[in-house]
Amino acid sequence: MSLLGEIERNPLAVEDRGVLRFITAGSVDDGKSTLIGRLLHDTRAIFEDQLAAVARASSKRGQDALDLSLLTDGLEAEREQGITIDVAYRYFATPRRKFIIADTPGHEQYTRNMVTGASTADAAVILVDARKGVLPQTRRHTYIAHLLGVRHIVVAVNKMDLVGSDEATFERIRRDFLAFASALGIVDLRCIPISALRGDFVVERGEIMSWYRGPTLLAALEEIDVADEADALPLRFPVQLVVRPGAGTDSRGYSGRIESGAVFRGAEVLALPSGRRTVVKDIVCLESSLPVAVAGDSVTLTLADDMDISRGDLLAEPTLPPRVAKSIEARLCWLSAQPLDARALPAARFVLKHTTRSVRAKLVSLNSRVDVDTLERHAKPTGLAMNDIAHVALALAQPLFVDSYELNRATGSFILIDEASNQTVAAGMIDG
């Protein structure tokens, strides 16, 4: 009996592991879209009309079998070129866990989309083509995922059927990857041989690669422990909207999303930038009053005191407040196709968007650039090209309320927007 069949036969014995958000990444043509299609197909997460549409599209391409990559390559440009150029989100569930998956681009020029997908992920599946081994883009995506705080990384060595399911090939790739990744200090790293096309070791074990005794990819993802760490962090509530008093209420409300921690009626909170303390009078969600709200909840808070609070301000835990900063050091991923020339920094002007707050910013210095192939740091680079990762210093026109990215993803991250073009040019992670 199959794994899913066994679970369906005895559902009461199954533990619900919650939701796992993960990305697939790697070099182009490593089979990321096919892998996600295989996961959706083999976990029975595809409707009949979707399968029929994929069958028709596969037939038009002259293929006898289903091209499962078409389940995620939804953009017309992707279908024409056979590549993934955007982040495609899909959802599926097994009796053990719910999954949110993001198929991120492999082409180097779309690394910015991969940054978007990784920024909210709990885990990353890095695909490696068994015929090609570890490539520069593989290393780049692994480094970015680690940089963005993804603690669980699974290396899926794909297309093993095209190398004769050779154990020696898998072991060579595993050693090459570990030689690169050892310097990163990844907490949870494992390697699994798979064939997304055939389905071997994706959901079911298959009939080849009997030498591999570890879990399938799905089983490994089901086992990952991602306790919601955001709930245990200090309260961070960026104000997104001020709700004026209206009919039926005489209290001003402050709407937004709780990025970390929890808040309850009667709790004391610190308002920034004023530095004043007050007490939460009520918590409202969809016109219902709540006794408590936690990280991820979008709510409206009313306060006991009348205070001058506007969009971009922050309500925080008084005993563990964020750092108020007018200058920051950060790790920056340059996303723009237009290179940054260090000589132009004095004249360059940016808008830095952090939570719900936007301030003008200047890049004071490029301190170092990371070589993603060797992880070496090159001091005082002359500029940054697209996808370069650097350590930088920034000066801000107004203060921000920040934590280090390592401690809090929400208040430790930002984007840079070019004032002239209004284009997002970089994503940053604040150092402690």
Protein backbone atom coordinates (compact mmCIF):
# COMPACT_ATOMS: atom_id res chain seq x y z
CA MET A 1 0.00 0.00 0.00
CA SER A 2 1.21 3.56 -0.76
CA LEU A 3 2.15 6.08 1.91
CA LEU A 4 -0.98 8.17 1.33
CA GLY A 5 -3.11 5.04 1.27
CA GLU A 6 -1.74 3.91 4.62
CA ILE A 7 -2.43 7.33 6.12
CA GLU A 8 -5.97 7.34 4.78
CA ARG A 9 -6.53 3.88 6.26
CA ASN A 10 -5.54 5.03 9.75
CA PRO A 11 -6.05 8.83 9.89
CA LEU A 12 -6.35 9.04 13.69
CA ALA A 13 -2.71 8.04 14.09
CA VAL A 14 -1.52 11.04 12.09
CA GLU A 15 -0.08 14.13 13.79
CA ASP A 16 -0.99 17.54 12.33
CA ARG A 17 2.34 19.37 11.89
CA GLY A 18 0.78 22.71 10.88
CA VAL A 19 1.67 24.81 7.82
CA LEU A 20 5.06 24.73 6.07
CA ARG A 21 6.02 27.48 3.64
CA PHE A 22 8.82 26.43 1.32
CA ILE A 23 10.42 27.50 -1.94
CA THR A 24 12.00 25.58 -4.76
CA ALA A 25 15.14 27.14 -6.23
CA GLY A 26 18.23 26.27 -8.21
CA SER A 27 19.65 26.76 -11.67
CA VAL A 28 17.54 26.98 -14.81
CA ASP A 29 16.10 23.70 -16.17
CA ASP A 30 16.80 21.79 -12.97
CA GLY A 31 13.15 20.70 -12.92
CA LYS A 32 11.62 22.94 -10.26
CA SER A 33 8.24 23.34 -11.94
CA THR A 34 8.10 19.63 -12.75
CA LEU A 35 8.85 18.80 -9.13
CA ILE A 36 5.98 20.95 -7.86
CA GLY A 37 3.71 19.46 -10.51
CA ARG A 38 4.72 16.00 -9.29
CA LEU A 39 3.99 16.94 -5.67
CA LEU A 40 0.55 18.30 -6.62
CA HIS A 41 -0.23 15.29 -8.82
CA ASP A 42 0.90 12.56 -6.46
CA THR A 43 -0.80 14.13 -3.42
CA ARG A 44 -4.04 14.38 -5.40
CA ALA A 45 -4.19 18.17 -5.22
CA ILE A 46 -5.17 18.66 -8.89
CA PHE A 47 -8.71 18.96 -10.20
CA GLU A 48 -9.78 16.97 -13.23
CA ASP A 49 -10.19 20.09 -15.38
CA GLN A 50 -6.65 21.16 -14.51
CA LEU A 51 -5.31 17.76 -15.56
CA ALA A 52 -7.30 17.95 -18.77
CA ALA A 53 -5.86 21.40 -19.56
CA VAL A 54 -2.32 20.16 -18.92
CA ALA A 55 -2.95 17.13 -21.11
CA ARG A 56 -4.11 19.35 -23.97
CA ALA A 57 -1.12 21.68 -23.58
CA SER A 58 1.26 18.68 -23.46
CA SER A 59 -0.30 17.26 -26.60
CA LYS A 60 0.16 20.56 -28.44
CA ARG A 61 3.86 20.30 -27.62
CA GLY A 62 3.99 16.84 -29.15
CA GLN A 63 4.42 15.08 -25.80
CA ASP A 64 2.69 11.78 -25.10
CA ALA A 65 3.00 12.03 -21.30
CA LEU A 66 1.74 14.82 -19.02
CA ASP A 67 4.13 17.76 -18.74
CA LEU A 68 3.62 18.43 -15.04
CA SER A 69 5.68 21.64 -15.16
CA LEU A 70 2.69 23.30 -16.87
CA LEU A 71 0.79 23.16 -13.59
CA THR A 72 2.98 25.97 -12.25
CA ASP A 73 4.31 27.69 -15.38
CA GLY A 74 1.08 29.63 -15.73
CA LEU A 75 2.32 32.78 -17.45
CA GLU A 76 2.01 32.75 -21.22
CA ALA A 77 5.61 33.94 -21.62
CA GLU A 78 6.76 31.01 -19.49
CA ARG A 79 4.79 28.52 -21.61
CA GLU A 80 6.37 29.92 -24.77
CA GLN A 81 9.94 29.96 -23.44
CA GLY A 82 9.74 26.93 -21.18
CA ILE A 83 11.16 28.83 -18.21
CA THR A 84 9.78 30.23 -14.96
CA ILE A 85 9.98 34.04 -14.80
CA ASP A 86 7.74 34.79 -11.81
CA VAL A 87 7.00 33.33 -8.39
CA ALA A 88 4.12 30.86 -8.73
CA TYR A 89 2.42 30.00 -5.43
CA ARG A 90 0.56 26.74 -5.00
CA TYR A 91 -1.14 25.04 -2.05
CA PHE A 92 -1.60 21.40 -1.14
CA ALA A 93 -2.04 19.30 1.94
CA THR A 94 -1.41 15.83 3.25
CA PRO A 95 -3.02 14.37 6.37
CA ARG A 96 0.14 15.37 8.26
CA ARG A 97 0.64 18.97 7.10
CA LYS A 98 -0.51 21.85 4.92
CA PHE A 99 1.98 23.34 2.44
CA ILE A 100 2.42 26.68 0.69
CA ILE A 101 4.97 26.31 -2.10
CA ALA A 102 6.65 28.93 -4.25
CA ASP A 103 8.26 27.99 -7.55
CA THR A 104 10.99 30.61 -7.94
CA PRO A 105 12.93 31.49 -11.10
CA GLY A 106 16.18 29.81 -12.08
CA HIS A 107 17.45 32.40 -14.54
CA GLU A 108 19.99 34.77 -13.01
CA GLN A 109 18.14 37.90 -14.15
CA TYR A 110 15.10 36.84 -12.09
CA THR A 111 16.94 36.35 -8.80
CA ARG A 112 14.89 39.25 -7.36
CA ASN A 113 11.80 37.03 -7.61
CA MET A 114 13.63 34.30 -5.73
CA VAL A 115 14.37 36.83 -2.95
CA THR A 116 10.63 37.55 -2.76
CA GLY A 117 9.77 33.87 -2.40
CA ALA A 118 12.48 33.14 0.18
CA SER A 119 11.69 36.12 2.42
CA THR A 120 8.66 34.37 3.97
CA ALA A 121 9.75 30.73 3.62
CA ASP A 122 10.38 28.25 6.43
CA ALA A 123 12.35 25.88 4.19
CA ALA A 124 14.02 25.76 0.79
CA VAL A 125 14.31 22.89 -1.67
CA ILE A 126 17.43 23.53 -3.75
CA LEU A 127 17.40 21.45 -6.93
CA VAL A 128 20.57 20.21 -8.57
CA ASP A 129 20.62 18.54 -12.00
CA ALA A 130 22.46 15.24 -11.50
CA ARG A 131 24.10 15.69 -14.93
CA LYS A 132 25.47 19.16 -14.17
CA GLY A 133 26.26 19.12 -10.47
CA VAL A 134 26.53 22.22 -8.27
CA LEU A 135 26.45 25.39 -10.40
CA PRO A 136 27.04 29.08 -9.52
CA GLN A 137 23.28 29.77 -9.45
CA THR A 138 22.83 26.83 -7.08
CA ARG A 139 25.34 28.41 -4.70
CA ARG A 140 23.77 31.86 -5.13
CA HIS A 141 20.28 30.63 -4.26
CA THR A 142 21.55 28.65 -1.28
CA TYR A 143 23.42 31.67 0.05
CA ILE A 144 20.43 33.99 -0.44
CA ALA A 145 18.07 31.52 1.24
CA HIS A 146 20.45 31.28 4.20
CA LEU A 147 20.91 35.06 4.23
CA LEU A 148 17.13 35.52 4.37
CA GLY A 149 16.87 33.33 7.44
CA VAL A 150 15.67 30.06 5.89
CA ARG A 151 16.82 27.52 8.48
CA HIS A 152 15.82 24.27 6.77
CA ILE A 153 17.39 23.42 3.40
CA VAL A 154 16.82 20.23 1.41
CA VAL A 155 19.10 19.57 -1.57
CA ALA A 156 17.14 17.52 -4.11
CA VAL A 157 19.49 15.95 -6.64
CA ASN A 158 17.08 15.66 -9.56
CA LYS A 159 17.09 13.72 -12.86
CA MET A 160 18.82 10.74 -11.27
CA ASP A 161 17.12 8.59 -13.96
CA LEU A 162 19.29 10.35 -16.57
CA VAL A 163 22.53 9.26 -14.87
CA GLY A 164 21.50 5.64 -14.42
CA SER A 165 20.46 6.19 -10.79
CA ASP A 166 24.18 6.11 -9.97
CA GLU A 167 24.98 6.30 -6.25
CA ALA A 168 28.52 7.57 -6.90
CA THR A 169 27.15 10.55 -8.86
CA PHE A 170 24.82 11.45 -6.00
CA GLU A 171 27.62 11.14 -3.43
CA ARG A 172 29.92 13.37 -5.49
CA ILE A 173 27.27 16.09 -5.73
CA ARG A 174 26.48 15.77 -2.04
CA ARG A 175 30.17 16.23 -1.12
CA ASP A 176 30.53 19.21 -3.47
CA PHE A 177 27.49 20.90 -1.98
CA LEU A 178 28.54 20.26 1.62
CA ALA A 179 32.02 21.63 0.88
CA PHE A 180 30.39 24.93 -0.14
CA ALA A 181 27.66 25.00 2.51
CA SER A 182 29.83 24.08 5.50
CA ALA A 183 30.99 27.70 5.83
CA LEU A 184 27.37 28.93 6.10
CA GLY A 185 26.51 27.00 9.25
CA ILE A 186 23.09 25.87 8.05
CA VAL A 187 21.20 24.36 10.99
CA ASP A 188 19.23 21.70 9.09
CA LEU A 189 20.65 20.47 5.77
CA ARG A 190 19.96 17.16 4.01
CA CYS A 191 20.41 15.72 0.51
CA ILE A 192 17.89 13.48 -1.28
CA PRO A 193 18.18 11.83 -4.73
CA ILE A 194 14.98 12.17 -6.79
CA SER A 195 13.47 11.94 -10.25
CA ALA A 196 10.67 14.52 -10.52
CA LEU A 197 9.76 13.23 -13.97
CA ARG A 198 9.32 9.60 -12.82
CA GLY A 199 8.22 10.47 -9.28
CA ASP A 200 10.97 8.49 -7.54
CA PHE A 201 11.54 9.63 -3.93
CA VAL A 202 9.24 12.64 -4.32
CA VAL A 203 6.05 11.31 -2.71
CA GLU A 204 6.61 7.57 -3.16
CA ARG A 205 9.93 5.74 -3.00
CA GLY A 206 9.74 4.21 -6.47
CA GLU A 207 11.58 1.14 -7.69
CA ILE A 208 15.04 2.55 -8.37
CA MET A 209 17.81 3.85 -6.07
CA SER A 210 17.39 1.07 -3.52
CA TRP A 211 20.78 2.14 -2.13
CA TYR A 212 19.19 5.27 -0.65
CA ARG A 213 17.72 4.54 2.78
CA GLY A 214 16.57 8.05 3.74
CA PRO A 215 13.08 9.63 3.53
CA THR A 216 11.30 10.78 0.39
CA LEU A 217 11.22 14.52 -0.25
CA LEU A 218 7.63 14.81 0.97
CA ALA A 219 8.39 12.83 4.13
CA ALA A 220 11.38 15.08 4.84
CA LEU A 221 9.22 18.19 4.44
CA GLU A 222 6.55 16.73 6.69
CA GLU A 223 9.14 16.16 9.42
CA ILE A 224 10.48 19.74 9.53
CA ASP A 225 9.72 21.41 12.84
CA VAL A 226 8.73 25.04 12.31
CA ALA A 227 7.24 26.15 15.59
CA ASP A 228 5.84 29.64 15.03
CA GLU A 229 8.75 31.60 16.43
CA ALA A 230 7.08 34.93 15.63
CA ASP A 231 4.53 34.41 18.44
CA ALA A 232 7.33 34.16 21.02
CA LEU A 233 9.06 37.37 19.92
CA PRO A 234 8.40 40.81 21.48
CA LEU A 235 5.34 42.67 20.18
CA ARG A 236 5.82 44.60 16.94
CA PHE A 237 2.69 46.24 15.50
CA PRO A 238 3.38 48.66 12.62
CA VAL A 239 0.44 51.01 12.16
CA GLN A 240 -0.92 50.82 8.63
CA LEU A 241 -4.10 52.88 8.93
CA VAL A 242 -5.65 55.27 11.46
CA VAL A 243 -9.40 54.70 11.78
CA ARG A 244 -11.15 57.92 12.70
CA PRO A 245 -14.07 57.95 15.18
CA GLY A 246 -17.40 57.46 13.43
CA ALA A 247 -20.97 56.43 14.01
CA GLY A 248 -21.24 54.07 16.94
CA THR A 249 -17.72 54.67 18.30
CA ASP A 250 -15.92 57.55 19.94
CA SER A 251 -12.47 55.91 19.95
CA ARG A 252 -9.75 56.24 17.36
CA GLY A 253 -8.44 52.89 16.13
CA TYR A 254 -5.10 51.81 14.70
CA SER A 255 -5.16 49.07 12.08
CA GLY A 256 -2.34 46.84 10.93
CA ARG A 257 -0.82 43.38 11.06
CA ILE A 258 0.86 42.02 14.17
CA GLU A 259 4.30 41.11 12.81
CA SER A 260 5.52 39.43 15.98
CA GLY A 261 4.48 38.73 19.55
CA ALA A 262 0.99 38.92 21.00
CA VAL A 263 -1.28 41.60 22.42
CA PHE A 264 -4.23 41.34 24.77
CA ARG A 265 -6.81 43.70 26.27
CA GLY A 266 -5.25 45.58 29.14
CA ALA A 267 -1.68 45.08 27.93
CA GLU A 268 0.73 48.00 28.17
CA VAL A 269 2.33 49.04 24.87
CA LEU A 270 4.99 51.55 23.86
CA ALA A 271 4.21 53.96 21.00
CA LEU A 272 7.10 54.96 18.77
CA PRO A 273 8.42 57.50 17.90
CA SER A 274 6.69 59.42 20.75
CA GLY A 275 8.01 57.05 23.44
CA ARG A 276 4.73 57.27 25.38
CA ARG A 277 3.17 54.25 27.05
CA THR A 278 -0.51 53.37 27.07
CA VAL A 279 -2.85 50.41 27.52
CA VAL A 280 -4.76 48.44 24.89
CA LYS A 281 -8.46 49.12 25.41
CA ASP A 282 -9.84 46.73 22.79
CA ILE A 283 -8.84 44.49 19.88
CA VAL A 284 -11.22 44.39 16.91
CA CYS A 285 -11.21 42.00 13.96
CA LEU A 286 -14.08 41.94 11.43
CA GLU A 287 -16.25 43.97 13.84
CA SER A 288 -15.75 41.40 16.61
CA SER A 289 -13.94 42.15 19.86
CA LEU A 290 -11.09 39.79 20.73
CA PRO A 291 -9.38 39.17 24.08
CA VAL A 292 -6.02 38.48 22.41
CA ALA A 293 -4.34 38.59 18.99
CA VAL A 294 -1.06 37.03 17.86
CA ALA A 295 1.55 37.34 15.11
CA GLY A 296 -0.05 37.19 11.67
CA ASP A 297 -3.41 38.62 12.80
CA SER A 298 -4.69 41.77 11.08
CA VAL A 299 -6.58 43.78 13.70
CA THR A 300 -7.59 47.25 14.85
CA LEU A 301 -6.41 48.34 18.28
CA THR A 302 -8.05 51.03 20.40
CA LEU A 303 -6.01 52.58 23.19
CA ALA A 304 -6.87 53.94 26.62
CA ASP A 305 -5.20 57.31 25.92
CA ASP A 306 -5.65 59.82 23.13
CA MET A 307 -2.28 59.81 21.40
CA ASP A 308 -0.73 61.28 18.25
CA ILE A 309 -0.12 58.09 16.23
CA SER A 310 -0.05 57.90 12.43
CA ARG A 311 0.77 55.47 9.64
CA GLY A 312 4.36 54.23 9.93
CA ASP A 313 4.45 54.47 13.72
CA LEU A 314 4.97 51.33 15.80
CA LEU A 315 3.38 49.85 18.91
CA ALA A 316 5.87 47.65 20.74
CA GLU A 317 6.59 45.67 23.89
CA PRO A 318 7.71 48.31 26.46
CA THR A 319 10.25 46.08 28.19
CA LEU A 320 11.82 44.83 24.93
CA PRO A 321 11.57 47.72 22.47
CA PRO A 322 13.22 47.84 19.04
CA ARG A 323 16.28 49.98 18.40
CA VAL A 324 15.60 53.54 17.25
CA ALA A 325 18.10 54.19 14.46
CA LYS A 326 18.99 57.02 12.07
CA SER A 327 21.83 54.99 10.60
CA ILE A 328 22.03 51.27 9.95
CA GLU A 329 24.41 48.66 8.62
CA ALA A 330 22.91 45.92 6.51
CA ARG A 331 23.47 43.11 4.04
CA LEU A 332 22.08 44.21 0.70
CA CYS A 333 21.05 42.25 -2.39
CA TRP A 334 21.21 44.57 -5.42
CA LEU A 335 18.22 43.73 -7.61
CA SER A 336 18.36 46.35 -10.34
CA ALA A 337 19.63 45.65 -13.84
CA GLN A 338 21.22 49.12 -13.64
CA PRO A 339 24.59 48.73 -11.87
CA LEU A 340 25.42 50.88 -8.86
CA ASP A 341 28.63 52.89 -9.21
CA ALA A 342 30.29 53.63 -5.86
CA ARG A 343 31.47 56.98 -7.23
CA ALA A 344 27.83 58.04 -7.68
CA LEU A 345 26.84 57.37 -4.06
CA PRO A 346 27.00 61.02 -2.89
CA ALA A 347 24.35 61.97 -5.44
CA ALA A 348 22.21 58.82 -5.19
CA ARG A 349 18.90 59.20 -3.39
CA PHE A 350 16.66 56.38 -2.24
CA VAL A 351 13.44 55.80 -0.36
CA LEU A 352 13.81 53.06 2.26
CA LYS A 353 10.58 51.16 2.98
CA HIS A 354 10.57 49.39 6.35
CA THR A 355 7.33 47.77 7.61
CA THR A 356 4.74 50.54 7.01
CA ARG A 357 7.25 53.39 7.28
CA SER A 358 9.06 55.04 4.36
CA VAL A 359 12.01 57.39 4.84
CA ARG A 360 14.60 58.98 2.58
CA ALA A 361 17.99 57.29 2.74
CA LYS A 362 21.54 57.60 1.46
CA LEU A 363 23.98 54.77 0.84
CA VAL A 364 26.96 56.07 2.79
CA SER A 365 29.38 53.30 1.88
CA LEU A 366 29.83 49.93 0.23
CA ASN A 367 31.88 48.13 2.87
CA SER A 368 32.33 44.76 1.18
CA ARG A 369 30.93 42.48 -1.51
CA VAL A 370 30.43 38.72 -1.12
CA ASP A 371 31.68 36.33 -3.80
CA VAL A 372 28.88 33.73 -3.76
CA ASP A 373 31.14 31.11 -5.35
CA THR A 374 33.82 31.23 -2.64
CA LEU A 375 31.99 33.20 0.12
CA GLU A 376 35.03 35.50 0.26
CA ARG A 377 34.49 39.17 1.12
CA HIS A 378 36.03 41.81 -1.14
CA ALA A 379 36.51 45.11 0.70
CA LYS A 380 35.45 48.46 -0.75
CA PRO A 381 33.94 47.32 -4.06
CA THR A 382 33.80 49.90 -6.85
CA GLY A 383 30.14 49.12 -7.46
CA LEU A 384 27.38 46.54 -7.46
CA ALA A 385 25.93 44.59 -10.38
CA MET A 386 22.54 42.87 -10.44
CA ASN A 387 22.31 40.07 -7.83
CA ASP A 388 25.47 41.19 -6.01
CA ILE A 389 25.35 40.87 -2.23
CA ALA A 390 27.16 43.49 -0.17
CA HIS A 391 27.57 44.84 3.33
CA VAL A 392 26.60 48.53 3.36
CA ALA A 393 26.02 51.50 5.63
CA LEU A 394 22.98 53.78 5.24
CA ALA A 395 22.03 57.18 6.70
CA LEU A 396 18.33 57.92 7.23
CA ALA A 397 16.46 61.22 7.13
CA GLN A 398 14.10 60.03 9.90
CA PRO A 399 14.47 57.32 12.53
CA LEU A 400 13.38 53.73 12.03
CA PHE A 401 12.41 51.23 14.74
CA VAL A 402 14.47 48.18 13.92
CA ASP A 403 15.63 44.78 15.11
CA SER A 404 18.38 42.71 13.59
CA TYR A 405 17.11 40.46 10.80
CA GLU A 406 18.47 37.44 12.63
CA LEU A 407 16.09 38.17 15.51
CA ASN A 408 13.03 39.46 13.65
CA ARG A 409 12.45 39.15 9.90
CA ALA A 410 9.69 41.78 9.79
CA THR A 411 11.46 44.64 11.58
CA GLY A 412 14.89 43.56 10.32
CA SER A 413 14.19 43.84 6.59
CA PHE A 414 13.64 46.65 4.11
CA ILE A 415 13.62 47.52 0.43
CA LEU A 416 15.33 50.43 -1.35
CA ILE A 417 13.41 52.36 -3.99
CA ASP A 418 15.14 54.69 -6.45
CA GLU A 419 13.63 58.16 -6.02
CA ALA A 420 13.99 59.07 -9.69
CA SER A 421 12.57 55.92 -11.31
CA ASN A 422 10.40 54.65 -8.42
CA GLN A 423 11.84 51.17 -9.06
CA THR A 424 12.77 48.74 -6.28
CA VAL A 425 16.53 48.39 -6.59
CA ALA A 426 17.59 46.41 -3.50
CA ALA A 427 16.43 44.28 -0.59
CA GLY A 428 18.22 44.58 2.74
CA MET A 429 18.66 42.70 6.01
CA ILE A 430 19.62 44.82 9.04
CA ASP A 431 22.61 43.75 11.12
CA GLY A 432 22.51 43.71 14.90
